[in-house]
Amino acid sequence: MLFLYTDGIPSTYKEDGSIIGFDESLLEIFRKSRRETLRETINAVINEVEFNRGEKKQEDDILLLGFYCK
């Protein structure tokens, strides 16, 4: 699987006021979200971003594209 995403994912503010960022926190979201199909994985990533955001307002747009190669 290959994922392309806009900066809206790593720049999402978490409930504690920090951002997801481009480091281990972002990698952990993708690791935790791994599912059997591409669609399920993309949905899990978005759900995990929303979970991390909590009640905070989304400040930036989010675009996540995924590709699967057999």
PDB file of N, CA and C in Angstrom:
ATOM      1  N   MET A   1       0.840  -1.169   0.000  1.00  0.00           N
ATOM      2  CA  MET A   1       0.000   0.000   0.000  1.00  0.00           C
ATOM      3  C   MET A   1       0.888   1.236   0.000  1.00  0.00           C
ATOM      4  N   LEU A   2       0.464   2.207  -0.767  1.00  0.00           N
ATOM      5  CA  LEU A   2       1.147   3.502  -0.820  1.00  0.00           C
ATOM      6  C   LEU A   2       0.118   4.573  -0.506  1.00  0.00           C
ATOM      7  N   PHE A   3       0.484   5.511   0.361  1.00  0.00           N
ATOM      8  CA  PHE A   3      -0.441   6.572   0.756  1.00  0.00           C
ATOM      9  C   PHE A   3       0.153   7.935   0.442  1.00  0.00           C
ATOM     10  N   LEU A   4      -0.670   8.799  -0.094  1.00  0.00           N
ATOM     11  CA  LEU A   4      -0.339  10.199  -0.319  1.00  0.00           C
ATOM     12  C   LEU A   4      -1.355  11.006   0.464  1.00  0.00           C
ATOM     13  N   TYR A   5      -0.883  12.032   1.173  1.00  0.00           N
ATOM     14  CA  TYR A   5      -1.797  12.800   2.004  1.00  0.00           C
ATOM     15  C   TYR A   5      -1.367  14.259   2.039  1.00  0.00           C
ATOM     16  N   THR A   6      -2.342  15.113   2.288  1.00  0.00           N
ATOM     17  CA  THR A   6      -2.054  16.535   2.434  1.00  0.00           C
ATOM     18  C   THR A   6      -1.576  16.810   3.852  1.00  0.00           C
ATOM     19  N   ASP A   7      -1.077  18.010   4.069  1.00  0.00           N
ATOM     20  CA  ASP A   7      -0.547  18.375   5.379  1.00  0.00           C
ATOM     21  C   ASP A   7      -1.630  18.500   6.446  1.00  0.00           C
ATOM     22  N   GLY A   8      -2.886  18.359   6.064  1.00  0.00           N
ATOM     23  CA  GLY A   8      -3.967  18.432   7.042  1.00  0.00           C
ATOM     24  C   GLY A   8      -3.915  17.314   8.067  1.00  0.00           C
ATOM     25  N   ILE A   9      -3.368  16.159   7.701  1.00  0.00           N
ATOM     26  CA  ILE A   9      -3.264  15.061   8.664  1.00  0.00           C
ATOM     27  C   ILE A   9      -2.178  15.350   9.696  1.00  0.00           C
ATOM     28  N   PRO A  10      -0.921  15.573   9.281  1.00  0.00           N
ATOM     29  CA  PRO A  10       0.107  15.819  10.305  1.00  0.00           C
ATOM     30  C   PRO A  10      -0.066  17.132  11.063  1.00  0.00           C
ATOM     31  N   SER A  11      -0.781  18.096  10.491  1.00  0.00           N
ATOM     32  CA  SER A  11      -0.954  19.369  11.196  1.00  0.00           C
ATOM     33  C   SER A  11      -2.226  19.406  12.041  1.00  0.00           C
ATOM     34  N   THR A  12      -2.903  18.270  12.172  1.00  0.00           N
ATOM     35  CA  THR A  12      -4.094  18.184  13.012  1.00  0.00           C
ATOM     36  C   THR A  12      -3.709  18.319  14.481  1.00  0.00           C
ATOM     37  N   TYR A  13      -4.409  19.203  15.191  1.00  0.00           N
ATOM     38  CA  TYR A  13      -4.167  19.383  16.618  1.00  0.00           C
ATOM     39  C   TYR A  13      -4.842  18.270  17.406  1.00  0.00           C
ATOM     40  N   LYS A  14      -4.092  17.697  18.332  1.00  0.00           N
ATOM     41  CA  LYS A  14      -4.636  16.689  19.242  1.00  0.00           C
ATOM     42  C   LYS A  14      -5.292  17.397  20.422  1.00  0.00           C
ATOM     43  N   GLU A  15      -6.020  16.640  21.211  1.00  0.00           N
ATOM     44  CA  GLU A  15      -6.722  17.218  22.366  1.00  0.00           C
ATOM     45  C   GLU A  15      -5.773  17.912  23.349  1.00  0.00           C
ATOM     46  N   ASP A  16      -4.535  17.435  23.438  1.00  0.00           N
ATOM     47  CA  ASP A  16      -3.588  18.041  24.381  1.00  0.00           C
ATOM     48  C   ASP A  16      -2.919  19.308  23.841  1.00  0.00           C
ATOM     49  N   GLY A  17      -3.295  19.720  22.629  1.00  0.00           N
ATOM     50  CA  GLY A  17      -2.754  20.944  22.043  1.00  0.00           C
ATOM     51  C   GLY A  17      -1.560  20.741  21.143  1.00  0.00           C
ATOM     52  N   SER A  18      -0.969  19.548  21.154  1.00  0.00           N
ATOM     53  CA  SER A  18       0.142  19.257  20.245  1.00  0.00           C
ATOM     54  C   SER A  18      -0.431  18.858  18.880  1.00  0.00           C
ATOM     55  N   ILE A  19       0.444  18.767  17.887  1.00  0.00           N
ATOM     56  CA  ILE A  19      -0.008  18.318  16.572  1.00  0.00           C
ATOM     57  C   ILE A  19       0.435  16.882  16.343  1.00  0.00           C
ATOM     58  N   ILE A  20      -0.205  16.211  15.396  1.00  0.00           N
ATOM     59  CA  ILE A  20       0.189  14.842  15.063  1.00  0.00           C
ATOM     60  C   ILE A  20       1.633  14.844  14.563  1.00  0.00           C
ATOM     61  N   GLY A  21       1.952  15.758  13.660  1.00  0.00           N
ATOM     62  CA  GLY A  21       3.326  15.886  13.195  1.00  0.00           C
ATOM     63  C   GLY A  21       3.710  14.866  12.136  1.00  0.00           C
ATOM     64  N   PHE A  22       4.972  14.932  11.733  1.00  0.00           N
ATOM     65  CA  PHE A  22       5.494  14.047  10.693  1.00  0.00           C
ATOM     66  C   PHE A  22       6.394  12.958  11.263  1.00  0.00           C
ATOM     67  N   ASP A  23       6.394  12.776  12.565  1.00  0.00           N
ATOM     68  CA  ASP A  23       7.318  11.840  13.185  1.00  0.00           C
ATOM     69  C   ASP A  23       6.615  10.547  13.593  1.00  0.00           C
ATOM     70  N   GLU A  24       7.025   9.995  14.704  1.00  0.00           N
ATOM     71  CA  GLU A  24       6.525   8.703  15.172  1.00  0.00           C
ATOM     72  C   GLU A  24       5.017   8.683  15.381  1.00  0.00           C
ATOM     73  N   SER A  25       4.429   9.787  15.783  1.00  0.00           N
ATOM     74  CA  SER A  25       2.986   9.843  16.006  1.00  0.00           C
ATOM     75  C   SER A  25       2.211   9.542  14.716  1.00  0.00           C
ATOM     76  N   LEU A  26       2.666  10.115  13.611  1.00  0.00           N
ATOM     77  CA  LEU A  26       2.028   9.866  12.312  1.00  0.00           C
ATOM     78  C   LEU A  26       2.221   8.412  11.888  1.00  0.00           C
ATOM     79  N   LEU A  27       3.425   7.904  12.056  1.00  0.00           N
ATOM     80  CA  LEU A  27       3.690   6.500  11.703  1.00  0.00           C
ATOM     81  C   LEU A  27       2.832   5.552  12.523  1.00  0.00           C
ATOM     82  N   GLU A  28       2.652   5.875  13.788  1.00  0.00           N
ATOM     83  CA  GLU A  28       1.838   5.024  14.657  1.00  0.00           C
ATOM     84  C   GLU A  28       0.381   4.982  14.196  1.00  0.00           C
ATOM     85  N   ILE A  29      -0.125   6.110  13.725  1.00  0.00           N
ATOM     86  CA  ILE A  29      -1.501   6.133  13.204  1.00  0.00           C
ATOM     87  C   ILE A  29      -1.635   5.168  12.033  1.00  0.00           C
ATOM     88  N   PHE A  30      -0.672   5.190  11.115  1.00  0.00           N
ATOM     89  CA  PHE A  30      -0.730   4.284   9.963  1.00  0.00           C
ATOM     90  C   PHE A  30      -0.528   2.829  10.386  1.00  0.00           C
ATOM     91  N   ARG A  31       0.349   2.579  11.342  1.00  0.00           N
ATOM     92  CA  ARG A  31       0.555   1.208  11.833  1.00  0.00           C
ATOM     93  C   ARG A  31      -0.716   0.660  12.474  1.00  0.00           C
ATOM     94  N   LYS A  32      -1.344   1.447  13.333  1.00  0.00           N
ATOM     95  CA  LYS A  32      -2.554   1.009  14.027  1.00  0.00           C
ATOM     96  C   LYS A  32      -3.732   0.829  13.075  1.00  0.00           C
ATOM     97  N   SER A  33      -3.693   1.507  11.942  1.00  0.00           N
ATOM     98  CA  SER A  33      -4.835   1.524  11.031  1.00  0.00           C
ATOM     99  C   SER A  33      -4.752   0.451   9.952  1.00  0.00           C
ATOM    100  N   ARG A  34      -3.719  -0.322   9.933  1.00  0.00           N
ATOM    101  CA  ARG A  34      -3.548  -1.343   8.893  1.00  0.00           C
ATOM    102  C   ARG A  34      -4.696  -2.351   8.960  1.00  0.00           C
ATOM    103  N   ARG A  35      -5.399  -2.504   7.849  1.00  0.00           N
ATOM    104  CA  ARG A  35      -6.510  -3.443   7.741  1.00  0.00           C
ATOM    105  C   ARG A  35      -6.298  -4.322   6.510  1.00  0.00           C
ATOM    106  N   GLU A  36      -7.233  -5.221   6.281  1.00  0.00           N
ATOM    107  CA  GLU A  36      -7.114  -6.167   5.176  1.00  0.00           C
ATOM    108  C   GLU A  36      -7.247  -5.494   3.810  1.00  0.00           C
ATOM    109  N   THR A  37      -8.156  -4.523   3.697  1.00  0.00           N
ATOM    110  CA  THR A  37      -8.352  -3.871   2.398  1.00  0.00           C
ATOM    111  C   THR A  37      -7.898  -2.415   2.456  1.00  0.00           C
ATOM    112  N   LEU A  38      -7.644  -1.856   1.298  1.00  0.00           N
ATOM    113  CA  LEU A  38      -7.240  -0.460   1.195  1.00  0.00           C
ATOM    114  C   LEU A  38      -8.327   0.460   1.735  1.00  0.00           C
ATOM    115  N   ARG A  39      -9.561   0.219   1.362  1.00  0.00           N
ATOM    116  CA  ARG A  39     -10.684   1.050   1.821  1.00  0.00           C
ATOM    117  C   ARG A  39     -10.792   1.046   3.345  1.00  0.00           C
ATOM    118  N   GLU A  40     -10.685  -0.129   3.939  1.00  0.00           N
ATOM    119  CA  GLU A  40     -10.760  -0.229   5.395  1.00  0.00           C
ATOM    120  C   GLU A  40      -9.591   0.502   6.057  1.00  0.00           C
ATOM    121  N   THR A  41      -8.417   0.406   5.459  1.00  0.00           N
ATOM    122  CA  THR A  41      -7.237   1.076   6.005  1.00  0.00           C
ATOM    123  C   THR A  41      -7.388   2.587   5.939  1.00  0.00           C
ATOM    124  N   ILE A  42      -7.840   3.104   4.807  1.00  0.00           N
ATOM    125  CA  ILE A  42      -8.042   4.550   4.669  1.00  0.00           C
ATOM    126  C   ILE A  42      -9.069   5.034   5.693  1.00  0.00           C
ATOM    127  N   ASN A  43     -10.177   4.317   5.818  1.00  0.00           N
ATOM    128  CA  ASN A  43     -11.197   4.697   6.803  1.00  0.00           C
ATOM    129  C   ASN A  43     -10.638   4.658   8.221  1.00  0.00           C
ATOM    130  N   ALA A  44      -9.820   3.665   8.520  1.00  0.00           N
ATOM    131  CA  ALA A  44      -9.233   3.556   9.855  1.00  0.00           C
ATOM    132  C   ALA A  44      -8.265   4.703  10.133  1.00  0.00           C
ATOM    133  N   VAL A  45      -7.487   5.120   9.124  1.00  0.00           N
ATOM    134  CA  VAL A  45      -6.569   6.251   9.299  1.00  0.00           C
ATOM    135  C   VAL A  45      -7.367   7.512   9.619  1.00  0.00           C
ATOM    136  N   ILE A  46      -8.400   7.783   8.838  1.00  0.00           N
ATOM    137  CA  ILE A  46      -9.218   8.978   9.064  1.00  0.00           C
ATOM    138  C   ILE A  46      -9.873   8.911  10.449  1.00  0.00           C
ATOM    139  N   ASN A  47     -10.375   7.748  10.824  1.00  0.00           N
ATOM    140  CA  ASN A  47     -10.992   7.598  12.153  1.00  0.00           C
ATOM    141  C   ASN A  47      -9.974   7.834  13.260  1.00  0.00           C
ATOM    142  N   GLU A  48      -8.757   7.372  13.067  1.00  0.00           N
ATOM    143  CA  GLU A  48      -7.712   7.557  14.076  1.00  0.00           C
ATOM    144  C   GLU A  48      -7.319   9.030  14.200  1.00  0.00           C
ATOM    145  N   VAL A  49      -7.277   9.741  13.062  1.00  0.00           N
ATOM    146  CA  VAL A  49      -6.999  11.181  13.093  1.00  0.00           C
ATOM    147  C   VAL A  49      -8.114  11.887  13.859  1.00  0.00           C
ATOM    148  N   GLU A  50      -9.362  11.531  13.568  1.00  0.00           N
ATOM    149  CA  GLU A  50     -10.494  12.136  14.265  1.00  0.00           C
ATOM    150  C   GLU A  50     -10.459  11.815  15.759  1.00  0.00           C
ATOM    151  N   PHE A  51     -10.072  10.595  16.103  1.00  0.00           N
ATOM    152  CA  PHE A  51      -9.975  10.210  17.515  1.00  0.00           C
ATOM    153  C   PHE A  51      -8.910  11.051  18.226  1.00  0.00           C
ATOM    154  N   ASN A  52      -7.757  11.220  17.579  1.00  0.00           N
ATOM    155  CA  ASN A  52      -6.682  12.025  18.154  1.00  0.00           C
ATOM    156  C   ASN A  52      -7.099  13.480  18.310  1.00  0.00           C
ATOM    157  N   ARG A  53      -7.894  13.974  17.381  1.00  0.00           N
ATOM    158  CA  ARG A  53      -8.349  15.368  17.416  1.00  0.00           C
ATOM    159  C   ARG A  53      -9.342  15.597  18.544  1.00  0.00           C
ATOM    160  N   GLY A  54     -10.129  14.594  18.847  1.00  0.00           N
ATOM    161  CA  GLY A  54     -11.129  14.722  19.905  1.00  0.00           C
ATOM    162  C   GLY A  54     -12.166  15.763  19.541  1.00  0.00           C
ATOM    163  N   GLU A  55     -12.423  16.682  20.453  1.00  0.00           N
ATOM    164  CA  GLU A  55     -13.434  17.718  20.254  1.00  0.00           C
ATOM    165  C   GLU A  55     -12.882  18.965  19.559  1.00  0.00           C
ATOM    166  N   LYS A  56     -11.586  18.972  19.286  1.00  0.00           N
ATOM    167  CA  LYS A  56     -10.981  20.133  18.616  1.00  0.00           C
ATOM    168  C   LYS A  56     -11.498  20.244  17.186  1.00  0.00           C
ATOM    169  N   LYS A  57     -11.630  21.466  16.701  1.00  0.00           N
ATOM    170  CA  LYS A  57     -12.081  21.724  15.335  1.00  0.00           C
ATOM    171  C   LYS A  57     -10.950  21.409  14.358  1.00  0.00           C
ATOM    172  N   GLN A  58     -11.301  20.771  13.229  1.00  0.00           N
ATOM    173  CA  GLN A  58     -10.308  20.507  12.184  1.00  0.00           C
ATOM    174  C   GLN A  58      -9.964  21.825  11.503  1.00  0.00           C
ATOM    175  N   GLU A  59      -8.700  22.207  11.537  1.00  0.00           N
ATOM    176  CA  GLU A  59      -8.253  23.508  11.038  1.00  0.00           C
ATOM    177  C   GLU A  59      -7.910  23.495   9.547  1.00  0.00           C
ATOM    178  N   ASP A  60      -7.555  22.346   9.017  1.00  0.00           N
ATOM    179  CA  ASP A  60      -7.068  22.253   7.639  1.00  0.00           C
ATOM    180  C   ASP A  60      -7.798  21.116   6.937  1.00  0.00           C
ATOM    181  N   ASP A  61      -7.787  21.156   5.608  1.00  0.00           N
ATOM    182  CA  ASP A  61      -8.423  20.079   4.852  1.00  0.00           C
ATOM    183  C   ASP A  61      -7.581  18.810   4.966  1.00  0.00           C
ATOM    184  N   ILE A  62      -8.245  17.683   4.781  1.00  0.00           N
ATOM    185  CA  ILE A  62      -7.566  16.391   4.793  1.00  0.00           C
ATOM    186  C   ILE A  62      -7.875  15.675   3.485  1.00  0.00           C
ATOM    187  N   LEU A  63      -6.813  15.259   2.816  1.00  0.00           N
ATOM    188  CA  LEU A  63      -6.944  14.436   1.613  1.00  0.00           C
ATOM    189  C   LEU A  63      -6.008  13.258   1.785  1.00  0.00           C
ATOM    190  N   LEU A  64      -6.533  12.057   1.648  1.00  0.00           N
ATOM    191  CA  LEU A  64      -5.744  10.847   1.779  1.00  0.00           C
ATOM    192  C   LEU A  64      -6.045   9.964   0.590  1.00  0.00           C
ATOM    193  N   LEU A  65      -5.028   9.697  -0.215  1.00  0.00           N
ATOM    194  CA  LEU A  65      -5.152   8.787  -1.359  1.00  0.00           C
ATOM    195  C   LEU A  65      -4.364   7.531  -1.065  1.00  0.00           C
ATOM    196  N   GLY A  66      -4.904   6.402  -1.423  1.00  0.00           N
ATOM    197  CA  GLY A  66      -4.200   5.141  -1.196  1.00  0.00           C
ATOM    198  C   GLY A  66      -4.164   4.320  -2.465  1.00  0.00           C
ATOM    199  N   PHE A  67      -3.068   3.606  -2.636  1.00  0.00           N
ATOM    200  CA  PHE A  67      -2.879   2.740  -3.780  1.00  0.00           C
ATOM    201  C   PHE A  67      -2.443   1.371  -3.275  1.00  0.00           C
ATOM    202  N   TYR A  68      -2.954   0.343  -3.899  1.00  0.00           N
ATOM    203  CA  TYR A  68      -2.620  -1.027  -3.531  1.00  0.00           C
ATOM    204  C   TYR A  68      -2.078  -1.727  -4.752  1.00  0.00           C
ATOM    205  N   CYS A  69      -0.931  -2.356  -4.622  1.00  0.00           N
ATOM    206  CA  CYS A  69      -0.324  -3.076  -5.743  1.00  0.00           C
ATOM    207  C   CYS A  69      -0.215  -4.542  -5.377  1.00  0.00           C
ATOM    208  N   LYS A  70      -0.737  -5.383  -6.221  1.00  0.00           N
ATOM    209  CA  LYS A  70      -0.659  -6.828  -5.980  1.00  0.00           C
ATOM    210  C   LYS A  70       0.659  -7.370  -6.470  1.00  0.00           C
TER     211      LYS A  70
END
